[in-house]
Amino acid sequence: MYGLDGKVAIVTGAGGRAGIGRGIANRLAAEGASIVVCDLNEDATPSWGGLRAVVKEINDGGGRAIGVTGSVADSKDVASIVEGAISEYGQVDILVNNAGAPAGPDRVNVVDLTEHVWDQVIDVNLKGTFLMSQAISRHMIHRGAGGKIINMSSVSGKVGNAKFAAYCSSKFGVIGFTQSLAKEMAEHKVNVNAICPSLVETERVYGMASALKPNEATSTEDWRDEMVARVNETNPLGRIAQAKDVADVAAFLASSESDYLTGLSISVAGGSHMG
């Protein structure tokens, strides 16, 4: 539909089995882009092959993909990720800043939030977006062929919530950063936009449920199911968001169809958040 043949995309935080990153990587590959998927580590489990499995499914499906590991919050790792992509494919046309700090330990009241957890959320969600965007922006300016940068914010980057202070702060920051970078990169024909999902049915919901369940007598699994059920009941479109919903928007923003859009923060929320 969007014709990304000849384009090269980096998708961070792409190793999760049910994650947004995997969904975006597969969708961009299906549109013809060559993919660099990266995550903090390969994160394989007995039931899921992690980053290697994502690379394999893209390549087995007729696409082109490589996997690299590293922390987006570490400038040396970021340089290695970008250099690996350019070494393999010669260019980067699309960056999707999807990597996110673990959900759970940060979902507490401010008075109970530790400095270490605060720093982890800000470092991954906001500093990581800055470092990756800075490195790719330099490459795109030097190459002179334009490009697309897509940052993952959240509806919690637009409205604050109790027990979400670190997360909200990081995602509000991503929106401000997106707007600033969009204005800076406009003259270089690089579009910079943010996606703001509501709750998406990924592995992260389990971590949130572990932190937000009302008491220890409630199992995390039961509370996770309760969280999903509540969204299904209250969302105007009648269901919780899936990774595909976010990937569909990412594919549009990565394509030439979005060439006149920049600095936006698009809610993917089924109508629960319309701002």
C-alpha atoms as a PDB file:
ATOM      1  CA  MET A   1       0.000   0.000   0.000  1.00  0.00           C
ATOM      2  CA  TYR A   2       2.700   2.493   0.979  1.00  0.00           C
ATOM      3  CA  GLY A   3       5.595   1.318  -1.188  1.00  0.00           C
ATOM      4  CA  LEU A   4       8.683   1.445   1.012  1.00  0.00           C
ATOM      5  CA  ASP A   5      10.839  -0.468  -1.470  1.00  0.00           C
ATOM      6  CA  GLY A   6      14.435   0.712  -1.261  1.00  0.00           C
ATOM      7  CA  LYS A   7      13.944   2.273   2.183  1.00  0.00           C
ATOM      8  CA  VAL A   8      15.788   1.226   5.323  1.00  0.00           C
ATOM      9  CA  ALA A   9      14.140   1.407   8.746  1.00  0.00           C
ATOM     10  CA  ILE A  10      15.479   1.062  12.280  1.00  0.00           C
ATOM     11  CA  VAL A  11      12.914  -0.070  14.849  1.00  0.00           C
ATOM     12  CA  THR A  12      14.036  -0.013  18.479  1.00  0.00           C
ATOM     13  CA  GLY A  13      12.528  -2.140  21.227  1.00  0.00           C
ATOM     14  CA  ALA A  14      11.476  -4.776  18.713  1.00  0.00           C
ATOM     15  CA  GLY A  15      12.236  -8.069  20.459  1.00  0.00           C
ATOM     16  CA  GLY A  16       8.983  -8.690  22.332  1.00  0.00           C
ATOM     17  CA  ARG A  17       6.648 -11.460  21.217  1.00  0.00           C
ATOM     18  CA  ALA A  18       3.479  -9.363  21.414  1.00  0.00           C
ATOM     19  CA  GLY A  19       5.166  -5.989  21.310  1.00  0.00           C
ATOM     20  CA  ILE A  20       4.500  -2.885  19.264  1.00  0.00           C
ATOM     21  CA  GLY A  21       8.062  -2.973  17.925  1.00  0.00           C
ATOM     22  CA  ARG A  22       7.645  -6.408  16.393  1.00  0.00           C
ATOM     23  CA  GLY A  23       4.362  -5.338  14.822  1.00  0.00           C
ATOM     24  CA  ILE A  24       5.896  -2.213  13.298  1.00  0.00           C
ATOM     25  CA  ALA A  25       8.979  -4.063  12.034  1.00  0.00           C
ATOM     26  CA  ASN A  26       6.850  -6.675  10.283  1.00  0.00           C
ATOM     27  CA  ARG A  27       4.516  -4.071   8.774  1.00  0.00           C
ATOM     28  CA  LEU A  28       7.362  -1.941   7.409  1.00  0.00           C
ATOM     29  CA  ALA A  29       9.005  -5.067   6.017  1.00  0.00           C
ATOM     30  CA  ALA A  30       5.736  -6.042   4.326  1.00  0.00           C
ATOM     31  CA  GLU A  31       5.739  -2.594   2.702  1.00  0.00           C
ATOM     32  CA  GLY A  32       9.168  -3.340   1.238  1.00  0.00           C
ATOM     33  CA  ALA A  33      11.565  -1.700   3.683  1.00  0.00           C
ATOM     34  CA  SER A  34      14.772  -3.375   4.809  1.00  0.00           C
ATOM     35  CA  ILE A  35      14.683  -3.566   8.599  1.00  0.00           C
ATOM     36  CA  VAL A  36      17.137  -3.188  11.449  1.00  0.00           C
ATOM     37  CA  VAL A  37      15.473  -4.417  14.635  1.00  0.00           C
ATOM     38  CA  CYS A  38      17.187  -3.711  17.913  1.00  0.00           C
ATOM     39  CA  ASP A  39      16.624  -4.319  21.582  1.00  0.00           C
ATOM     40  CA  LEU A  40      18.567  -4.224  24.824  1.00  0.00           C
ATOM     41  CA  ASN A  41      19.412  -7.913  24.427  1.00  0.00           C
ATOM     42  CA  GLU A  42      18.242 -10.919  22.447  1.00  0.00           C
ATOM     43  CA  ASP A  43      15.855 -11.809  25.315  1.00  0.00           C
ATOM     44  CA  ALA A  44      15.098 -15.341  24.168  1.00  0.00           C
ATOM     45  CA  THR A  45      12.906 -17.578  26.362  1.00  0.00           C
ATOM     46  CA  PRO A  46      11.830 -21.215  26.084  1.00  0.00           C
ATOM     47  CA  SER A  47       8.640 -20.061  24.391  1.00  0.00           C
ATOM     48  CA  TRP A  48       9.935 -17.133  22.325  1.00  0.00           C
ATOM     49  CA  GLY A  49      13.146 -16.551  20.372  1.00  0.00           C
ATOM     50  CA  GLY A  50      13.345 -12.816  21.045  1.00  0.00           C
ATOM     51  CA  LEU A  51      15.152 -10.561  18.598  1.00  0.00           C
ATOM     52  CA  ARG A  52      16.409 -13.490  16.530  1.00  0.00           C
ATOM     53  CA  ALA A  53      12.849 -14.726  16.045  1.00  0.00           C
ATOM     54  CA  VAL A  54      11.729 -11.340  14.706  1.00  0.00           C
ATOM     55  CA  VAL A  55      14.620 -11.275  12.243  1.00  0.00           C
ATOM     56  CA  LYS A  56      13.866 -14.834  11.148  1.00  0.00           C
ATOM     57  CA  GLU A  57      10.165 -14.259  10.558  1.00  0.00           C
ATOM     58  CA  ILE A  58      10.851 -11.182   8.436  1.00  0.00           C
ATOM     59  CA  ASN A  59      13.497 -12.961   6.368  1.00  0.00           C
ATOM     60  CA  ASP A  60      11.405 -16.123   6.075  1.00  0.00           C
ATOM     61  CA  GLY A  61       8.539 -13.973   4.828  1.00  0.00           C
ATOM     62  CA  GLY A  62      10.612 -12.632   1.978  1.00  0.00           C
ATOM     63  CA  GLY A  63      11.812  -9.453   3.645  1.00  0.00           C
ATOM     64  CA  ARG A  64      15.251  -8.309   4.692  1.00  0.00           C
ATOM     65  CA  ALA A  65      16.191  -7.831   8.331  1.00  0.00           C
ATOM     66  CA  ILE A  66      19.122  -7.830  10.709  1.00  0.00           C
ATOM     67  CA  GLY A  67      19.132  -7.632  14.484  1.00  0.00           C
ATOM     68  CA  VAL A  68      21.426  -5.606  16.721  1.00  0.00           C
ATOM     69  CA  THR A  69      21.558  -5.319  20.500  1.00  0.00           C
ATOM     70  CA  GLY A  70      22.290  -2.277  22.597  1.00  0.00           C
ATOM     71  CA  SER A  71      20.843   0.313  24.947  1.00  0.00           C
ATOM     72  CA  VAL A  72      19.271   3.376  23.361  1.00  0.00           C
ATOM     73  CA  ALA A  73      20.159   5.247  26.571  1.00  0.00           C
ATOM     74  CA  ASP A  74      23.898   4.705  25.960  1.00  0.00           C
ATOM     75  CA  SER A  75      25.493   6.946  23.330  1.00  0.00           C
ATOM     76  CA  LYS A  76      28.162   4.363  22.485  1.00  0.00           C
ATOM     77  CA  ASP A  77      25.521   1.692  21.904  1.00  0.00           C
ATOM     78  CA  VAL A  78      23.497   4.112  19.799  1.00  0.00           C
ATOM     79  CA  ALA A  79      26.525   4.816  17.621  1.00  0.00           C
ATOM     80  CA  SER A  80      27.034   1.071  17.205  1.00  0.00           C
ATOM     81  CA  ILE A  81      23.372   0.522  16.245  1.00  0.00           C
ATOM     82  CA  VAL A  82      23.453   3.265  13.632  1.00  0.00           C
ATOM     83  CA  GLU A  83      26.845   2.213  12.267  1.00  0.00           C
ATOM     84  CA  GLY A  84      25.616  -1.381  12.012  1.00  0.00           C
ATOM     85  CA  ALA A  85      22.589  -0.304  10.000  1.00  0.00           C
ATOM     86  CA  ILE A  86      24.617   1.854   7.625  1.00  0.00           C
ATOM     87  CA  SER A  87      27.291  -0.826   7.253  1.00  0.00           C
ATOM     88  CA  GLU A  88      24.659  -3.399   6.267  1.00  0.00           C
ATOM     89  CA  TYR A  89      22.370  -1.282   4.098  1.00  0.00           C
ATOM     90  CA  GLY A  90      24.283   1.919   3.306  1.00  0.00           C
ATOM     91  CA  GLN A  91      21.585   4.278   4.576  1.00  0.00           C
ATOM     92  CA  VAL A  92      18.760   4.863   7.044  1.00  0.00           C
ATOM     93  CA  ASP A  93      15.525   6.430   5.807  1.00  0.00           C
ATOM     94  CA  ILE A  94      13.160   5.696   8.707  1.00  0.00           C
ATOM     95  CA  LEU A  95      13.676   5.641  12.461  1.00  0.00           C
ATOM     96  CA  VAL A  96      11.023   4.329  14.834  1.00  0.00           C
ATOM     97  CA  ASN A  97      11.892   5.150  18.448  1.00  0.00           C
ATOM     98  CA  ASN A  98       9.832   2.465  20.134  1.00  0.00           C
ATOM     99  CA  ALA A  99      12.075   1.232  22.978  1.00  0.00           C
ATOM    100  CA  GLY A 100      10.484   1.665  26.395  1.00  0.00           C
ATOM    101  CA  ALA A 101      11.482   1.193  30.013  1.00  0.00           C
ATOM    102  CA  PRO A 102       9.905  -1.782  31.820  1.00  0.00           C
ATOM    103  CA  ALA A 103       6.365  -1.084  33.013  1.00  0.00           C
ATOM    104  CA  GLY A 104       5.653  -1.789  36.663  1.00  0.00           C
ATOM    105  CA  PRO A 105       8.262  -0.499  39.123  1.00  0.00           C
ATOM    106  CA  ASP A 106       7.481   3.100  38.122  1.00  0.00           C
ATOM    107  CA  ARG A 107       3.702   2.787  38.616  1.00  0.00           C
ATOM    108  CA  VAL A 108       3.648   4.115  42.166  1.00  0.00           C
ATOM    109  CA  ASN A 109       2.866   7.418  43.872  1.00  0.00           C
ATOM    110  CA  VAL A 110       5.554  10.082  43.596  1.00  0.00           C
ATOM    111  CA  VAL A 111       6.275   9.816  47.322  1.00  0.00           C
ATOM    112  CA  ASP A 112       7.200   6.151  46.803  1.00  0.00           C
ATOM    113  CA  LEU A 113       9.067   6.525  43.507  1.00  0.00           C
ATOM    114  CA  THR A 114      12.779   5.794  43.766  1.00  0.00           C
ATOM    115  CA  GLU A 115      15.367   7.921  42.016  1.00  0.00           C
ATOM    116  CA  HIS A 116      16.751   4.839  40.262  1.00  0.00           C
ATOM    117  CA  VAL A 117      13.390   3.932  38.724  1.00  0.00           C
ATOM    118  CA  TRP A 118      12.719   7.545  37.736  1.00  0.00           C
ATOM    119  CA  ASP A 119      16.106   7.713  36.011  1.00  0.00           C
ATOM    120  CA  GLN A 120      15.529   4.424  34.197  1.00  0.00           C
ATOM    121  CA  VAL A 121      12.221   5.580  32.720  1.00  0.00           C
ATOM    122  CA  ILE A 122      13.539   8.978  31.668  1.00  0.00           C
ATOM    123  CA  ASP A 123      16.767   7.493  30.291  1.00  0.00           C
ATOM    124  CA  VAL A 124      15.108   4.915  28.067  1.00  0.00           C
ATOM    125  CA  ASN A 125      11.928   6.706  27.025  1.00  0.00           C
ATOM    126  CA  LEU A 126      13.214  10.257  26.617  1.00  0.00           C
ATOM    127  CA  LYS A 127      17.020  10.235  26.516  1.00  0.00           C
ATOM    128  CA  GLY A 128      16.941   7.184  24.247  1.00  0.00           C
ATOM    129  CA  THR A 129      14.628   8.991  21.842  1.00  0.00           C
ATOM    130  CA  PHE A 130      16.981  11.979  21.877  1.00  0.00           C
ATOM    131  CA  LEU A 131      20.162   9.958  21.290  1.00  0.00           C
ATOM    132  CA  MET A 132      18.745   7.837  18.471  1.00  0.00           C
ATOM    133  CA  SER A 133      17.109  10.854  16.814  1.00  0.00           C
ATOM    134  CA  GLN A 134      20.283  12.908  17.081  1.00  0.00           C
ATOM    135  CA  ALA A 135      22.415  10.214  15.468  1.00  0.00           C
ATOM    136  CA  ILE A 136      19.943   9.545  12.662  1.00  0.00           C
ATOM    137  CA  SER A 137      19.285  13.254  12.080  1.00  0.00           C
ATOM    138  CA  ARG A 138      22.998  13.811  11.531  1.00  0.00           C
ATOM    139  CA  HIS A 139      23.033  10.937   9.043  1.00  0.00           C
ATOM    140  CA  MET A 140      19.941  12.210   7.238  1.00  0.00           C
ATOM    141  CA  ILE A 141      21.307  15.766   6.991  1.00  0.00           C
ATOM    142  CA  HIS A 142      24.612  14.484   5.619  1.00  0.00           C
ATOM    143  CA  ARG A 143      22.890  12.183   3.134  1.00  0.00           C
ATOM    144  CA  GLY A 144      20.494  14.896   1.961  1.00  0.00           C
ATOM    145  CA  ALA A 145      17.687  12.548   0.957  1.00  0.00           C
ATOM    146  CA  GLY A 146      15.105  13.406   3.618  1.00  0.00           C
ATOM    147  CA  GLY A 147      13.573  10.840   5.931  1.00  0.00           C
ATOM    148  CA  LYS A 148      11.045   9.967   8.591  1.00  0.00           C
ATOM    149  CA  ILE A 149      11.448   9.896  12.373  1.00  0.00           C
ATOM    150  CA  ILE A 150       8.590   8.368  14.365  1.00  0.00           C
ATOM    151  CA  ASN A 151       8.633   8.673  18.144  1.00  0.00           C
ATOM    152  CA  MET A 152       6.515   6.563  20.465  1.00  0.00           C
ATOM    153  CA  SER A 153       4.755   8.706  23.017  1.00  0.00           C
ATOM    154  CA  SER A 154       1.430   7.808  24.668  1.00  0.00           C
ATOM    155  CA  VAL A 155      -1.952   9.215  25.563  1.00  0.00           C
ATOM    156  CA  SER A 156      -0.204   9.531  28.940  1.00  0.00           C
ATOM    157  CA  GLY A 157       2.001  12.092  27.223  1.00  0.00           C
ATOM    158  CA  LYS A 158      -1.062  14.307  26.915  1.00  0.00           C
ATOM    159  CA  VAL A 159      -2.889  13.730  30.217  1.00  0.00           C
ATOM    160  CA  GLY A 160      -1.238  13.009  33.552  1.00  0.00           C
ATOM    161  CA  ASN A 161      -2.373  10.125  35.737  1.00  0.00           C
ATOM    162  CA  ALA A 162      -1.750   9.154  39.352  1.00  0.00           C
ATOM    163  CA  LYS A 163       0.993   6.529  39.742  1.00  0.00           C
ATOM    164  CA  PHE A 164       2.284   7.373  36.247  1.00  0.00           C
ATOM    165  CA  ALA A 165       4.479  10.384  37.074  1.00  0.00           C
ATOM    166  CA  ALA A 166       7.742   9.065  35.624  1.00  0.00           C
ATOM    167  CA  TYR A 167       6.051   7.573  32.572  1.00  0.00           C
ATOM    168  CA  CYS A 168       3.910  10.645  31.909  1.00  0.00           C
ATOM    169  CA  SER A 169       6.907  12.943  32.319  1.00  0.00           C
ATOM    170  CA  SER A 170       8.901  10.937  29.800  1.00  0.00           C
ATOM    171  CA  LYS A 171       6.071  10.797  27.279  1.00  0.00           C
ATOM    172  CA  PHE A 172       5.146  14.489  27.658  1.00  0.00           C
ATOM    173  CA  GLY A 173       8.835  15.104  26.990  1.00  0.00           C
ATOM    174  CA  VAL A 174       8.750  12.990  23.837  1.00  0.00           C
ATOM    175  CA  ILE A 175       5.937  15.149  22.448  1.00  0.00           C
ATOM    176  CA  GLY A 176       7.852  18.373  23.139  1.00  0.00           C
ATOM    177  CA  PHE A 177      11.002  16.879  21.676  1.00  0.00           C
ATOM    178  CA  THR A 178       9.090  15.758  18.585  1.00  0.00           C
ATOM    179  CA  GLN A 179       7.758  19.254  17.964  1.00  0.00           C
ATOM    180  CA  SER A 180      11.185  20.863  18.402  1.00  0.00           C
ATOM    181  CA  LEU A 181      12.970  18.362  16.161  1.00  0.00           C
ATOM    182  CA  ALA A 182      10.229  18.625  13.533  1.00  0.00           C
ATOM    183  CA  LYS A 183      10.899  22.348  13.168  1.00  0.00           C
ATOM    184  CA  GLU A 184      14.666  21.837  13.076  1.00  0.00           C
ATOM    185  CA  MET A 185      14.556  19.070  10.471  1.00  0.00           C
ATOM    186  CA  ALA A 186      11.867  20.514   8.197  1.00  0.00           C
ATOM    187  CA  GLU A 187      14.403  22.265   5.968  1.00  0.00           C
ATOM    188  CA  HIS A 188      16.100  18.894   5.462  1.00  0.00           C
ATOM    189  CA  LYS A 189      12.835  17.257   4.334  1.00  0.00           C
ATOM    190  CA  VAL A 190      12.733  15.027   7.402  1.00  0.00           C
ATOM    191  CA  ASN A 191       9.289  14.555   8.938  1.00  0.00           C
ATOM    192  CA  VAL A 192       9.162  13.993  12.690  1.00  0.00           C
ATOM    193  CA  ASN A 193       5.942  12.779  14.293  1.00  0.00           C
ATOM    194  CA  ALA A 194       4.807  10.965  17.430  1.00  0.00           C
ATOM    195  CA  ILE A 195       2.311   8.175  17.975  1.00  0.00           C
ATOM    196  CA  CYS A 196       0.317   8.225  21.207  1.00  0.00           C
ATOM    197  CA  PRO A 197      -1.297   4.845  21.870  1.00  0.00           C
ATOM    198  CA  SER A 198      -3.711   4.100  24.665  1.00  0.00           C
ATOM    199  CA  LEU A 199      -3.270   0.788  26.491  1.00  0.00           C
ATOM    200  CA  VAL A 200      -2.047  -1.809  23.986  1.00  0.00           C
ATOM    201  CA  GLU A 201      -2.404  -5.536  24.618  1.00  0.00           C
ATOM    202  CA  THR A 202       1.283  -6.440  24.905  1.00  0.00           C
ATOM    203  CA  GLU A 203       3.524  -8.058  27.518  1.00  0.00           C
ATOM    204  CA  ARG A 204       3.755  -4.699  29.271  1.00  0.00           C
ATOM    205  CA  VAL A 205       0.176  -5.005  30.528  1.00  0.00           C
ATOM    206  CA  TYR A 206       1.315  -7.811  32.830  1.00  0.00           C
ATOM    207  CA  GLY A 207       3.983  -5.588  34.381  1.00  0.00           C
ATOM    208  CA  MET A 208       1.477  -2.823  34.913  1.00  0.00           C
ATOM    209  CA  ALA A 209      -0.996  -5.247  36.465  1.00  0.00           C
ATOM    210  CA  SER A 210       1.654  -6.466  38.892  1.00  0.00           C
ATOM    211  CA  ALA A 211       2.158  -2.923  40.161  1.00  0.00           C
ATOM    212  CA  LEU A 212      -1.437  -1.702  40.028  1.00  0.00           C
ATOM    213  CA  LYS A 213      -3.397  -4.668  41.395  1.00  0.00           C
ATOM    214  CA  PRO A 214      -5.350  -3.681  44.528  1.00  0.00           C
ATOM    215  CA  ASN A 215      -3.755  -6.181  46.932  1.00  0.00           C
ATOM    216  CA  GLU A 216      -1.464  -9.179  47.147  1.00  0.00           C
ATOM    217  CA  ALA A 217      -4.444 -11.529  47.307  1.00  0.00           C
ATOM    218  CA  THR A 218      -5.299 -10.573  43.712  1.00  0.00           C
ATOM    219  CA  SER A 219      -3.288 -12.502  41.159  1.00  0.00           C
ATOM    220  CA  THR A 220      -1.421 -10.510  38.545  1.00  0.00           C
ATOM    221  CA  GLU A 221      -2.987 -12.631  35.807  1.00  0.00           C
ATOM    222  CA  ASP A 222      -6.506 -11.891  37.052  1.00  0.00           C
ATOM    223  CA  TRP A 223      -5.837  -8.159  37.327  1.00  0.00           C
ATOM    224  CA  ARG A 224      -4.302  -8.097  33.882  1.00  0.00           C
ATOM    225  CA  ASP A 225      -7.455  -9.693  32.502  1.00  0.00           C
ATOM    226  CA  GLU A 226      -9.547  -7.187  34.472  1.00  0.00           C
ATOM    227  CA  MET A 227      -7.594  -4.258  32.994  1.00  0.00           C
ATOM    228  CA  VAL A 228      -8.126  -5.537  29.465  1.00  0.00           C
ATOM    229  CA  ALA A 229     -11.815  -6.231  30.114  1.00  0.00           C
ATOM    230  CA  ARG A 230     -12.354  -2.698  31.427  1.00  0.00           C
ATOM    231  CA  VAL A 231     -10.877  -1.182  28.294  1.00  0.00           C
ATOM    232  CA  ASN A 232     -12.960  -3.477  26.089  1.00  0.00           C
ATOM    233  CA  GLU A 233     -16.092  -2.341  27.942  1.00  0.00           C
ATOM    234  CA  THR A 234     -15.391   1.404  28.054  1.00  0.00           C
ATOM    235  CA  ASN A 235     -13.528   2.165  24.836  1.00  0.00           C
ATOM    236  CA  PRO A 236     -15.800   3.832  22.249  1.00  0.00           C
ATOM    237  CA  LEU A 237     -14.669   1.367  19.569  1.00  0.00           C
ATOM    238  CA  GLY A 238     -15.233  -1.522  21.933  1.00  0.00           C
ATOM    239  CA  ARG A 239     -11.776  -3.063  22.313  1.00  0.00           C
ATOM    240  CA  ILE A 240      -8.256  -2.605  23.574  1.00  0.00           C
ATOM    241  CA  ALA A 241      -5.599  -1.503  21.081  1.00  0.00           C
ATOM    242  CA  GLN A 242      -3.450  -4.127  19.360  1.00  0.00           C
ATOM    243  CA  ALA A 243       0.097  -3.775  18.070  1.00  0.00           C
ATOM    244  CA  LYS A 244      -1.296  -3.808  14.523  1.00  0.00           C
ATOM    245  CA  ASP A 245      -3.265  -0.628  15.197  1.00  0.00           C
ATOM    246  CA  VAL A 246      -0.059   1.210  16.034  1.00  0.00           C
ATOM    247  CA  ALA A 247       1.874  -0.433  13.214  1.00  0.00           C
ATOM    248  CA  ASP A 248      -0.708   0.741  10.672  1.00  0.00           C
ATOM    249  CA  VAL A 249      -0.177   4.362  11.717  1.00  0.00           C
ATOM    250  CA  ALA A 250       3.601   3.919  11.750  1.00  0.00           C
ATOM    251  CA  ALA A 251       3.506   2.596   8.185  1.00  0.00           C
ATOM    252  CA  PHE A 252       1.569   5.672   7.056  1.00  0.00           C
ATOM    253  CA  LEU A 253       3.963   8.039   8.812  1.00  0.00           C
ATOM    254  CA  ALA A 254       6.939   6.203   7.298  1.00  0.00           C
ATOM    255  CA  SER A 255       5.553   6.630   3.781  1.00  0.00           C
ATOM    256  CA  SER A 256       5.446   9.476   1.299  1.00  0.00           C
ATOM    257  CA  GLU A 257       1.713   9.771   2.012  1.00  0.00           C
ATOM    258  CA  SER A 258       2.626  11.718   5.165  1.00  0.00           C
ATOM    259  CA  ASP A 259       5.087  14.110   3.511  1.00  0.00           C
ATOM    260  CA  TYR A 260       3.094  17.206   4.537  1.00  0.00           C
ATOM    261  CA  LEU A 261       2.671  16.117   8.154  1.00  0.00           C
ATOM    262  CA  THR A 262       5.247  16.947  10.812  1.00  0.00           C
ATOM    263  CA  GLY A 263       5.305  17.738  14.513  1.00  0.00           C
ATOM    264  CA  LEU A 264       2.072  15.814  15.154  1.00  0.00           C
ATOM    265  CA  SER A 265       1.195  13.589  18.101  1.00  0.00           C
ATOM    266  CA  ILE A 266      -1.421  11.170  16.851  1.00  0.00           C
ATOM    267  CA  SER A 267      -3.624   9.372  19.375  1.00  0.00           C
ATOM    268  CA  VAL A 268      -4.223   5.706  18.545  1.00  0.00           C
ATOM    269  CA  ALA A 269      -6.839   5.144  21.180  1.00  0.00           C
ATOM    270  CA  GLY A 270     -10.124   3.992  19.698  1.00  0.00           C
ATOM    271  CA  GLY A 271     -11.778   7.273  20.661  1.00  0.00           C
ATOM    272  CA  SER A 272     -10.928   7.158  24.361  1.00  0.00           C
ATOM    273  CA  HIS A 273      -8.577  10.128  23.883  1.00  0.00           C
ATOM    274  CA  MET A 274      -9.337  12.584  21.105  1.00  0.00           C
ATOM    275  CA  GLY A 275      -6.918  15.429  21.809  1.00  0.00           C
END
